[in-house]
Amino acid sequence: MYTYRRYDSVNRKWTKAKTPESIRYIPIDKDTIEILNRIKKQQRQYILPNPDKMLFVNIIHGIPSNNACNKYLQSILEKLDIFPQNMICTGNRHTYASILLSEDIDIWAIAKNMGHKDIKQITETYGHLIKEKAEQENNKVRQALLNLKAS
């Protein structure tokens, strides 16, 4: 997926990306691509007015605001009995970064995927996870040293 601009919901128009780093490719899996393509196909079938070619659009209200997305997300979480039910869309972004860190994805790759120019924001926001990971890596070093002694 390629991101190169942002939508200004106050002025209801597309604007330039915040920073050069905001312009980027974001890797997504085939299942997600299939779901997104299905949504686009349904929009064409129902001939929804969508001149901005937005993926998520409401026939009555147009492009949903961040607040509307948050309310809808919370209603889904409540309906499915998933906690925390007060999560907002920004929380999904944090979850994404946390999962990538827990999966041993390189911190520089995470920063790039998140649209950061360096790893500073990642280390400040997710420092507690990085400390956990550092201790796991230190344990691997200790084990490697023990293995050397044993051989």
N, C-alpha and C. Protein backbone atom coordinates (compact mmCIF):
# COMPACT_ATOMS: atom_id res chain seq x y z
N MET A 1 0.86 -1.16 0.00
CA MET A 1 0.00 0.00 0.00
C MET A 1 0.91 1.23 0.00
N TYR A 2 0.51 2.23 -0.74
CA TYR A 2 1.31 3.45 -0.89
C TYR A 2 0.55 4.62 -0.29
N THR A 3 1.22 5.38 0.57
CA THR A 3 0.61 6.58 1.15
C THR A 3 1.47 7.78 0.77
N TYR A 4 0.82 8.79 0.25
CA TYR A 4 1.57 9.96 -0.23
C TYR A 4 0.86 11.28 0.08
N ARG A 5 -0.28 11.22 0.74
CA ARG A 5 -1.04 12.43 1.07
C ARG A 5 -1.88 12.13 2.30
N ARG A 6 -2.55 13.16 2.80
CA ARG A 6 -3.45 12.95 3.94
C ARG A 6 -4.74 13.72 3.70
N TYR A 7 -5.77 13.29 4.37
CA TYR A 7 -7.06 13.94 4.20
C TYR A 7 -7.31 14.88 5.36
N ASP A 8 -7.58 16.13 5.05
CA ASP A 8 -7.90 17.16 6.03
C ASP A 8 -9.41 17.13 6.21
N SER A 9 -9.87 16.50 7.30
CA SER A 9 -11.31 16.35 7.50
C SER A 9 -11.99 17.66 7.89
N VAL A 10 -11.24 18.63 8.38
CA VAL A 10 -11.82 19.93 8.72
C VAL A 10 -12.18 20.69 7.43
N ASN A 11 -11.21 20.76 6.51
CA ASN A 11 -11.43 21.47 5.25
C ASN A 11 -11.96 20.55 4.14
N ARG A 12 -12.09 19.27 4.46
CA ARG A 12 -12.64 18.26 3.55
C ARG A 12 -11.93 18.25 2.19
N LYS A 13 -10.59 18.09 2.29
CA LYS A 13 -9.81 18.01 1.05
C LYS A 13 -8.49 17.28 1.32
N TRP A 14 -7.89 16.80 0.24
CA TRP A 14 -6.59 16.17 0.32
C TRP A 14 -5.51 17.24 0.46
N THR A 15 -4.50 16.96 1.28
CA THR A 15 -3.36 17.85 1.43
C THR A 15 -2.09 17.03 1.29
N LYS A 16 -0.97 17.74 1.21
CA LYS A 16 0.32 17.07 1.11
C LYS A 16 0.59 16.27 2.39
N ALA A 17 1.46 15.31 2.27
CA ALA A 17 1.90 14.55 3.44
C ALA A 17 2.57 15.49 4.43
N LYS A 18 2.52 15.13 5.72
CA LYS A 18 3.11 15.98 6.75
C LYS A 18 4.62 16.16 6.56
N THR A 19 5.28 15.06 6.27
CA THR A 19 6.74 15.07 6.13
C THR A 19 7.13 14.21 4.94
N PRO A 20 8.35 14.35 4.45
CA PRO A 20 8.79 13.46 3.36
C PRO A 20 8.74 11.97 3.77
N GLU A 21 8.96 11.70 5.05
CA GLU A 21 8.92 10.32 5.54
C GLU A 21 7.51 9.74 5.53
N SER A 22 6.51 10.62 5.52
CA SER A 22 5.13 10.15 5.48
C SER A 22 4.78 9.52 4.14
N ILE A 23 5.56 9.83 3.12
CA ILE A 23 5.35 9.24 1.80
C ILE A 23 6.09 7.91 1.79
N ARG A 24 5.33 6.81 1.73
CA ARG A 24 5.98 5.52 1.88
C ARG A 24 5.09 4.38 1.42
N TYR A 25 5.73 3.23 1.20
CA TYR A 25 5.01 1.98 0.97
C TYR A 25 4.87 1.29 2.32
N ILE A 26 3.70 0.76 2.57
CA ILE A 26 3.44 0.02 3.81
C ILE A 26 3.10 -1.41 3.41
N PRO A 27 3.87 -2.39 3.90
CA PRO A 27 3.58 -3.77 3.51
C PRO A 27 2.28 -4.27 4.14
N ILE A 28 1.44 -4.89 3.32
CA ILE A 28 0.23 -5.52 3.83
C ILE A 28 0.11 -6.91 3.21
N ASP A 29 -0.61 -7.78 3.89
CA ASP A 29 -0.71 -9.16 3.45
C ASP A 29 -1.81 -9.34 2.40
N LYS A 30 -1.81 -10.50 1.76
CA LYS A 30 -2.75 -10.78 0.67
C LYS A 30 -4.20 -10.79 1.16
N ASP A 31 -4.45 -11.29 2.36
CA ASP A 31 -5.82 -11.32 2.89
C ASP A 31 -6.38 -9.90 3.03
N THR A 32 -5.56 -8.99 3.52
CA THR A 32 -6.00 -7.60 3.67
C THR A 32 -6.28 -6.98 2.31
N ILE A 33 -5.40 -7.24 1.35
CA ILE A 33 -5.61 -6.73 -0.01
C ILE A 33 -6.93 -7.26 -0.57
N GLU A 34 -7.21 -8.53 -0.33
CA GLU A 34 -8.45 -9.13 -0.81
C GLU A 34 -9.68 -8.45 -0.19
N ILE A 35 -9.62 -8.19 1.09
CA ILE A 35 -10.73 -7.51 1.78
C ILE A 35 -10.92 -6.10 1.23
N LEU A 36 -9.84 -5.37 1.06
CA LEU A 36 -9.92 -4.00 0.55
C LEU A 36 -10.49 -3.99 -0.88
N ASN A 37 -10.05 -4.94 -1.70
CA ASN A 37 -10.59 -5.04 -3.06
C ASN A 37 -12.08 -5.37 -3.06
N ARG A 38 -12.50 -6.21 -2.12
CA ARG A 38 -13.93 -6.55 -2.00
C ARG A 38 -14.76 -5.32 -1.63
N ILE A 39 -14.22 -4.48 -0.75
CA ILE A 39 -14.92 -3.25 -0.38
C ILE A 39 -15.05 -2.33 -1.59
N LYS A 40 -13.98 -2.17 -2.35
CA LYS A 40 -14.03 -1.32 -3.55
C LYS A 40 -15.04 -1.85 -4.56
N LYS A 41 -15.08 -3.17 -4.72
CA LYS A 41 -16.03 -3.79 -5.65
C LYS A 41 -17.47 -3.53 -5.21
N GLN A 42 -17.73 -3.65 -3.91
CA GLN A 42 -19.08 -3.37 -3.39
C GLN A 42 -19.47 -1.93 -3.63
N GLN A 43 -18.52 -1.01 -3.47
CA GLN A 43 -18.81 0.40 -3.73
C GLN A 43 -19.23 0.61 -5.19
N ARG A 44 -18.53 -0.05 -6.09
CA ARG A 44 -18.89 0.09 -7.51
C ARG A 44 -20.27 -0.52 -7.78
N GLN A 45 -20.57 -1.64 -7.13
CA GLN A 45 -21.86 -2.30 -7.35
C GLN A 45 -23.01 -1.41 -6.90
N TYR A 46 -22.81 -0.73 -5.77
CA TYR A 46 -23.88 0.12 -5.23
C TYR A 46 -23.79 1.55 -5.74
N ILE A 47 -22.83 1.81 -6.59
CA ILE A 47 -22.62 3.12 -7.21
C ILE A 47 -22.65 4.23 -6.16
N LEU A 48 -21.81 4.07 -5.14
CA LEU A 48 -21.69 5.10 -4.11
C LEU A 48 -20.96 6.30 -4.68
N PRO A 49 -21.47 7.50 -4.44
CA PRO A 49 -20.73 8.68 -4.89
C PRO A 49 -19.43 8.80 -4.09
N ASN A 50 -18.33 8.73 -4.79
CA ASN A 50 -17.04 8.70 -4.11
C ASN A 50 -15.97 9.33 -5.00
N PRO A 51 -16.11 10.63 -5.29
CA PRO A 51 -15.17 11.28 -6.21
C PRO A 51 -13.73 11.29 -5.70
N ASP A 52 -13.55 11.22 -4.36
CA ASP A 52 -12.20 11.23 -3.80
C ASP A 52 -11.58 9.83 -3.75
N LYS A 53 -12.37 8.83 -4.22
CA LYS A 53 -11.90 7.44 -4.24
C LYS A 53 -11.43 6.99 -2.86
N MET A 54 -12.18 7.33 -1.85
CA MET A 54 -11.88 6.91 -0.49
C MET A 54 -12.35 5.48 -0.30
N LEU A 55 -11.64 4.75 0.52
CA LEU A 55 -12.03 3.37 0.79
C LEU A 55 -13.26 3.33 1.70
N PHE A 56 -13.26 4.17 2.71
CA PHE A 56 -14.37 4.21 3.65
C PHE A 56 -15.15 5.50 3.43
N VAL A 57 -16.39 5.35 3.02
CA VAL A 57 -17.24 6.50 2.73
C VAL A 57 -18.67 6.14 3.11
N ASN A 58 -19.40 7.13 3.59
CA ASN A 58 -20.79 6.94 3.99
C ASN A 58 -21.67 7.69 3.00
N ILE A 59 -22.68 7.02 2.47
CA ILE A 59 -23.54 7.62 1.44
C ILE A 59 -24.24 8.88 1.94
N ILE A 60 -24.51 8.97 3.23
CA ILE A 60 -25.21 10.14 3.80
C ILE A 60 -24.22 11.20 4.27
N HIS A 61 -23.21 10.78 5.02
CA HIS A 61 -22.30 11.73 5.67
C HIS A 61 -20.99 11.95 4.92
N GLY A 62 -20.75 11.21 3.85
CA GLY A 62 -19.51 11.36 3.10
C GLY A 62 -18.35 10.68 3.79
N ILE A 63 -17.21 11.34 3.78
CA ILE A 63 -16.00 10.77 4.37
C ILE A 63 -16.10 10.87 5.89
N PRO A 64 -15.94 9.74 6.57
CA PRO A 64 -16.09 9.77 8.04
C PRO A 64 -14.96 10.53 8.72
N SER A 65 -15.31 11.21 9.79
CA SER A 65 -14.30 11.91 10.59
C SER A 65 -13.57 10.89 11.47
N ASN A 66 -12.47 11.33 12.03
CA ASN A 66 -11.73 10.47 12.96
C ASN A 66 -12.62 10.11 14.15
N ASN A 67 -13.41 11.07 14.62
CA ASN A 67 -14.31 10.82 15.74
C ASN A 67 -15.35 9.76 15.38
N ALA A 68 -15.88 9.83 14.17
CA ALA A 68 -16.87 8.84 13.72
C ALA A 68 -16.24 7.45 13.65
N CYS A 69 -15.01 7.38 13.15
CA CYS A 69 -14.30 6.09 13.08
C CYS A 69 -14.07 5.53 14.48
N ASN A 70 -13.70 6.39 15.42
CA ASN A 70 -13.48 5.95 16.80
C ASN A 70 -14.76 5.41 17.42
N LYS A 71 -15.87 6.11 17.21
CA LYS A 71 -17.15 5.65 17.75
C LYS A 71 -17.56 4.31 17.15
N TYR A 72 -17.35 4.16 15.85
CA TYR A 72 -17.72 2.91 15.19
C TYR A 72 -16.82 1.77 15.68
N LEU A 73 -15.54 2.03 15.81
CA LEU A 73 -14.61 1.03 16.33
C LEU A 73 -15.05 0.58 17.72
N GLN A 74 -15.40 1.54 18.57
CA GLN A 74 -15.80 1.20 19.94
C GLN A 74 -17.11 0.40 19.95
N SER A 75 -18.02 0.70 19.04
CA SER A 75 -19.27 -0.08 18.98
C SER A 75 -18.99 -1.51 18.54
N ILE A 76 -18.05 -1.71 17.64
CA ILE A 76 -17.68 -3.06 17.21
C ILE A 76 -17.02 -3.82 18.36
N LEU A 77 -16.11 -3.16 19.06
CA LEU A 77 -15.43 -3.80 20.19
C LEU A 77 -16.45 -4.23 21.25
N GLU A 78 -17.42 -3.36 21.51
CA GLU A 78 -18.46 -3.66 22.50
C GLU A 78 -19.32 -4.84 22.03
N LYS A 79 -19.72 -4.79 20.77
CA LYS A 79 -20.56 -5.84 20.20
C LYS A 79 -19.87 -7.21 20.25
N LEU A 80 -18.57 -7.21 19.98
CA LEU A 80 -17.81 -8.46 19.97
C LEU A 80 -17.22 -8.80 21.34
N ASP A 81 -17.49 -7.95 22.34
CA ASP A 81 -17.01 -8.14 23.70
C ASP A 81 -15.47 -8.24 23.76
N ILE A 82 -14.82 -7.32 23.04
CA ILE A 82 -13.35 -7.25 23.00
C ILE A 82 -12.91 -6.08 23.86
N PHE A 83 -11.90 -6.32 24.69
CA PHE A 83 -11.40 -5.27 25.57
C PHE A 83 -10.00 -4.85 25.15
N PRO A 84 -9.61 -3.61 25.34
CA PRO A 84 -10.40 -2.54 25.91
C PRO A 84 -11.40 -1.99 24.89
N GLN A 85 -12.58 -1.67 25.37
CA GLN A 85 -13.63 -1.20 24.48
C GLN A 85 -13.55 0.30 24.22
N ASN A 86 -12.62 0.97 24.87
CA ASN A 86 -12.46 2.40 24.64
C ASN A 86 -11.28 2.69 23.71
N MET A 87 -10.81 1.68 22.98
CA MET A 87 -9.69 1.89 22.06
C MET A 87 -10.12 2.84 20.94
N ILE A 88 -9.18 3.66 20.51
CA ILE A 88 -9.43 4.55 19.38
C ILE A 88 -8.52 4.13 18.23
N CYS A 89 -8.73 4.71 17.08
CA CYS A 89 -7.98 4.32 15.89
C CYS A 89 -6.48 4.48 16.07
N THR A 90 -6.06 5.50 16.79
CA THR A 90 -4.63 5.68 17.05
C THR A 90 -4.08 4.50 17.83
N GLY A 91 -4.92 3.90 18.67
CA GLY A 91 -4.51 2.70 19.42
C GLY A 91 -4.16 1.56 18.48
N ASN A 92 -4.83 1.48 17.33
CA ASN A 92 -4.49 0.45 16.35
C ASN A 92 -3.08 0.66 15.83
N ARG A 93 -2.70 1.90 15.65
CA ARG A 93 -1.35 2.21 15.18
C ARG A 93 -0.32 1.76 16.22
N HIS A 94 -0.60 2.01 17.50
CA HIS A 94 0.30 1.57 18.57
C HIS A 94 0.37 0.05 18.65
N THR A 95 -0.78 -0.59 18.46
CA THR A 95 -0.80 -2.05 18.47
C THR A 95 0.05 -2.60 17.33
N TYR A 96 -0.06 -1.99 16.16
CA TYR A 96 0.72 -2.39 15.00
C TYR A 96 2.22 -2.34 15.33
N ALA A 97 2.66 -1.22 15.88
CA ALA A 97 4.08 -1.06 16.20
C ALA A 97 4.51 -2.07 17.28
N SER A 98 3.67 -2.27 18.28
CA SER A 98 4.00 -3.21 19.35
C SER A 98 4.13 -4.63 18.82
N ILE A 99 3.24 -5.02 17.93
CA ILE A 99 3.30 -6.36 17.34
C ILE A 99 4.57 -6.52 16.52
N LEU A 100 4.90 -5.51 15.73
CA LEU A 100 6.13 -5.60 14.92
C LEU A 100 7.36 -5.74 15.81
N LEU A 101 7.40 -4.98 16.91
CA LEU A 101 8.53 -5.10 17.83
C LEU A 101 8.59 -6.50 18.44
N SER A 102 7.44 -7.04 18.82
CA SER A 102 7.42 -8.36 19.45
C SER A 102 7.78 -9.47 18.47
N GLU A 103 7.64 -9.19 17.17
CA GLU A 103 7.95 -10.19 16.13
C GLU A 103 9.38 -10.07 15.60
N ASP A 104 10.22 -9.34 16.33
CA ASP A 104 11.63 -9.18 15.95
C ASP A 104 11.85 -8.43 14.64
N ILE A 105 10.90 -7.59 14.26
CA ILE A 105 11.10 -6.75 13.08
C ILE A 105 12.11 -5.66 13.46
N ASP A 106 13.03 -5.41 12.57
CA ASP A 106 14.07 -4.41 12.82
C ASP A 106 13.45 -3.05 13.14
N ILE A 107 13.98 -2.39 14.15
CA ILE A 107 13.41 -1.12 14.62
C ILE A 107 13.46 -0.04 13.54
N TRP A 108 14.47 -0.10 12.66
CA TRP A 108 14.55 0.86 11.56
C TRP A 108 13.42 0.62 10.55
N ALA A 109 13.10 -0.64 10.30
CA ALA A 109 12.00 -0.97 9.39
C ALA A 109 10.67 -0.52 9.98
N ILE A 110 10.51 -0.68 11.28
CA ILE A 110 9.28 -0.23 11.95
C ILE A 110 9.14 1.28 11.82
N ALA A 111 10.22 1.99 12.11
CA ALA A 111 10.19 3.46 12.01
C ALA A 111 9.80 3.90 10.60
N LYS A 112 10.37 3.25 9.60
CA LYS A 112 10.05 3.59 8.21
C LYS A 112 8.58 3.30 7.90
N ASN A 113 8.08 2.14 8.34
CA ASN A 113 6.68 1.79 8.11
C ASN A 113 5.73 2.76 8.80
N MET A 114 6.16 3.31 9.92
CA MET A 114 5.33 4.23 10.68
C MET A 114 5.44 5.67 10.16
N GLY A 115 6.37 5.90 9.24
CA GLY A 115 6.53 7.24 8.67
C GLY A 115 7.42 8.15 9.48
N HIS A 116 8.32 7.58 10.30
CA HIS A 116 9.26 8.37 11.09
C HIS A 116 10.59 8.47 10.36
N LYS A 117 11.31 9.59 10.58
CA LYS A 117 12.59 9.77 9.90
C LYS A 117 13.70 8.97 10.57
N ASP A 118 13.52 8.63 11.85
CA ASP A 118 14.52 7.83 12.56
C ASP A 118 13.82 7.00 13.63
N ILE A 119 14.59 6.35 14.49
CA ILE A 119 14.00 5.45 15.49
C ILE A 119 13.66 6.15 16.81
N LYS A 120 13.93 7.44 16.90
CA LYS A 120 13.74 8.17 18.17
C LYS A 120 12.31 8.04 18.69
N GLN A 121 11.32 8.28 17.85
CA GLN A 121 9.92 8.22 18.28
C GLN A 121 9.55 6.80 18.73
N ILE A 122 10.06 5.81 18.02
CA ILE A 122 9.78 4.41 18.39
C ILE A 122 10.39 4.10 19.75
N THR A 123 11.64 4.49 19.96
CA THR A 123 12.29 4.18 21.24
C THR A 123 11.64 4.93 22.40
N GLU A 124 11.17 6.16 22.16
CA GLU A 124 10.51 6.92 23.23
C GLU A 124 9.14 6.34 23.55
N THR A 125 8.39 5.98 22.53
CA THR A 125 7.02 5.51 22.74
C THR A 125 6.98 4.06 23.23
N TYR A 126 7.88 3.24 22.73
CA TYR A 126 7.84 1.81 23.02
C TYR A 126 9.07 1.34 23.79
N GLY A 127 9.66 2.25 24.55
CA GLY A 127 10.87 1.93 25.31
C GLY A 127 10.72 0.74 26.22
N HIS A 128 9.56 0.58 26.85
CA HIS A 128 9.35 -0.55 27.76
C HIS A 128 9.44 -1.87 27.02
N LEU A 129 8.94 -1.92 25.79
CA LEU A 129 9.02 -3.15 24.99
C LEU A 129 10.46 -3.39 24.54
N ILE A 130 11.16 -2.31 24.23
CA ILE A 130 12.54 -2.44 23.78
C ILE A 130 13.42 -2.94 24.92
N LYS A 131 13.16 -2.49 26.15
CA LYS A 131 13.92 -2.97 27.31
C LYS A 131 13.69 -4.46 27.52
N GLU A 132 12.42 -4.91 27.37
CA GLU A 132 12.12 -6.34 27.47
C GLU A 132 12.91 -7.11 26.43
N LYS A 133 12.90 -6.63 25.21
CA LYS A 133 13.59 -7.28 24.11
C LYS A 133 15.09 -7.29 24.37
N ALA A 134 15.63 -6.22 24.90
CA ALA A 134 17.06 -6.15 25.19
C ALA A 134 17.44 -7.23 26.20
N GLU A 135 16.62 -7.44 27.20
CA GLU A 135 16.92 -8.47 28.20
C GLU A 135 16.87 -9.86 27.58
N GLN A 136 15.92 -10.09 26.68
CA GLN A 136 15.86 -11.38 25.98
C GLN A 136 17.14 -11.60 25.16
N GLU A 137 17.57 -10.54 24.48
CA GLU A 137 18.79 -10.65 23.67
C GLU A 137 20.02 -10.86 24.56
N ASN A 138 20.05 -10.21 25.71
CA ASN A 138 21.16 -10.41 26.65
C ASN A 138 21.21 -11.85 27.14
N ASN A 139 20.05 -12.43 27.35
CA ASN A 139 20.00 -13.84 27.75
C ASN A 139 20.56 -14.74 26.65
N LYS A 140 20.30 -14.39 25.39
CA LYS A 140 20.86 -15.16 24.27
C LYS A 140 22.39 -15.06 24.27
N VAL A 141 22.90 -13.86 24.56
CA VAL A 141 24.36 -13.67 24.62
C VAL A 141 24.93 -14.52 25.74
N ARG A 142 24.30 -14.49 26.91
CA ARG A 142 24.77 -15.30 28.04
C ARG A 142 24.81 -16.78 27.68
N GLN A 143 23.75 -17.24 27.02
CA GLN A 143 23.68 -18.64 26.61
C GLN A 143 24.77 -18.98 25.59
N ALA A 144 25.01 -18.06 24.66
CA ALA A 144 26.07 -18.29 23.68
C ALA A 144 27.43 -18.40 24.36
N LEU A 145 27.66 -17.56 25.36
CA LEU A 145 28.93 -17.62 26.09
C LEU A 145 29.07 -18.93 26.86
N LEU A 146 27.98 -19.39 27.45
CA LEU A 146 27.99 -20.69 28.14
C LEU A 146 28.28 -21.81 27.15
N ASN A 147 27.68 -21.73 25.97
CA ASN A 147 27.91 -22.76 24.95
C ASN A 147 29.39 -22.78 24.51
N LEU A 148 30.01 -21.59 24.44
CA LEU A 148 31.42 -21.53 24.09
C LEU A 148 32.29 -22.20 25.14
N LYS A 149 31.97 -21.95 26.41
CA LYS A 149 32.72 -22.55 27.51
C LYS A 149 32.60 -24.05 27.49
N ALA A 150 31.41 -24.55 27.17
CA ALA A 150 31.15 -25.98 27.18
C ALA A 150 31.86 -26.71 26.05
N SER A 151 32.17 -25.99 24.98
CA SER A 151 32.79 -26.69 23.83
C SER A 151 34.28 -26.68 23.86
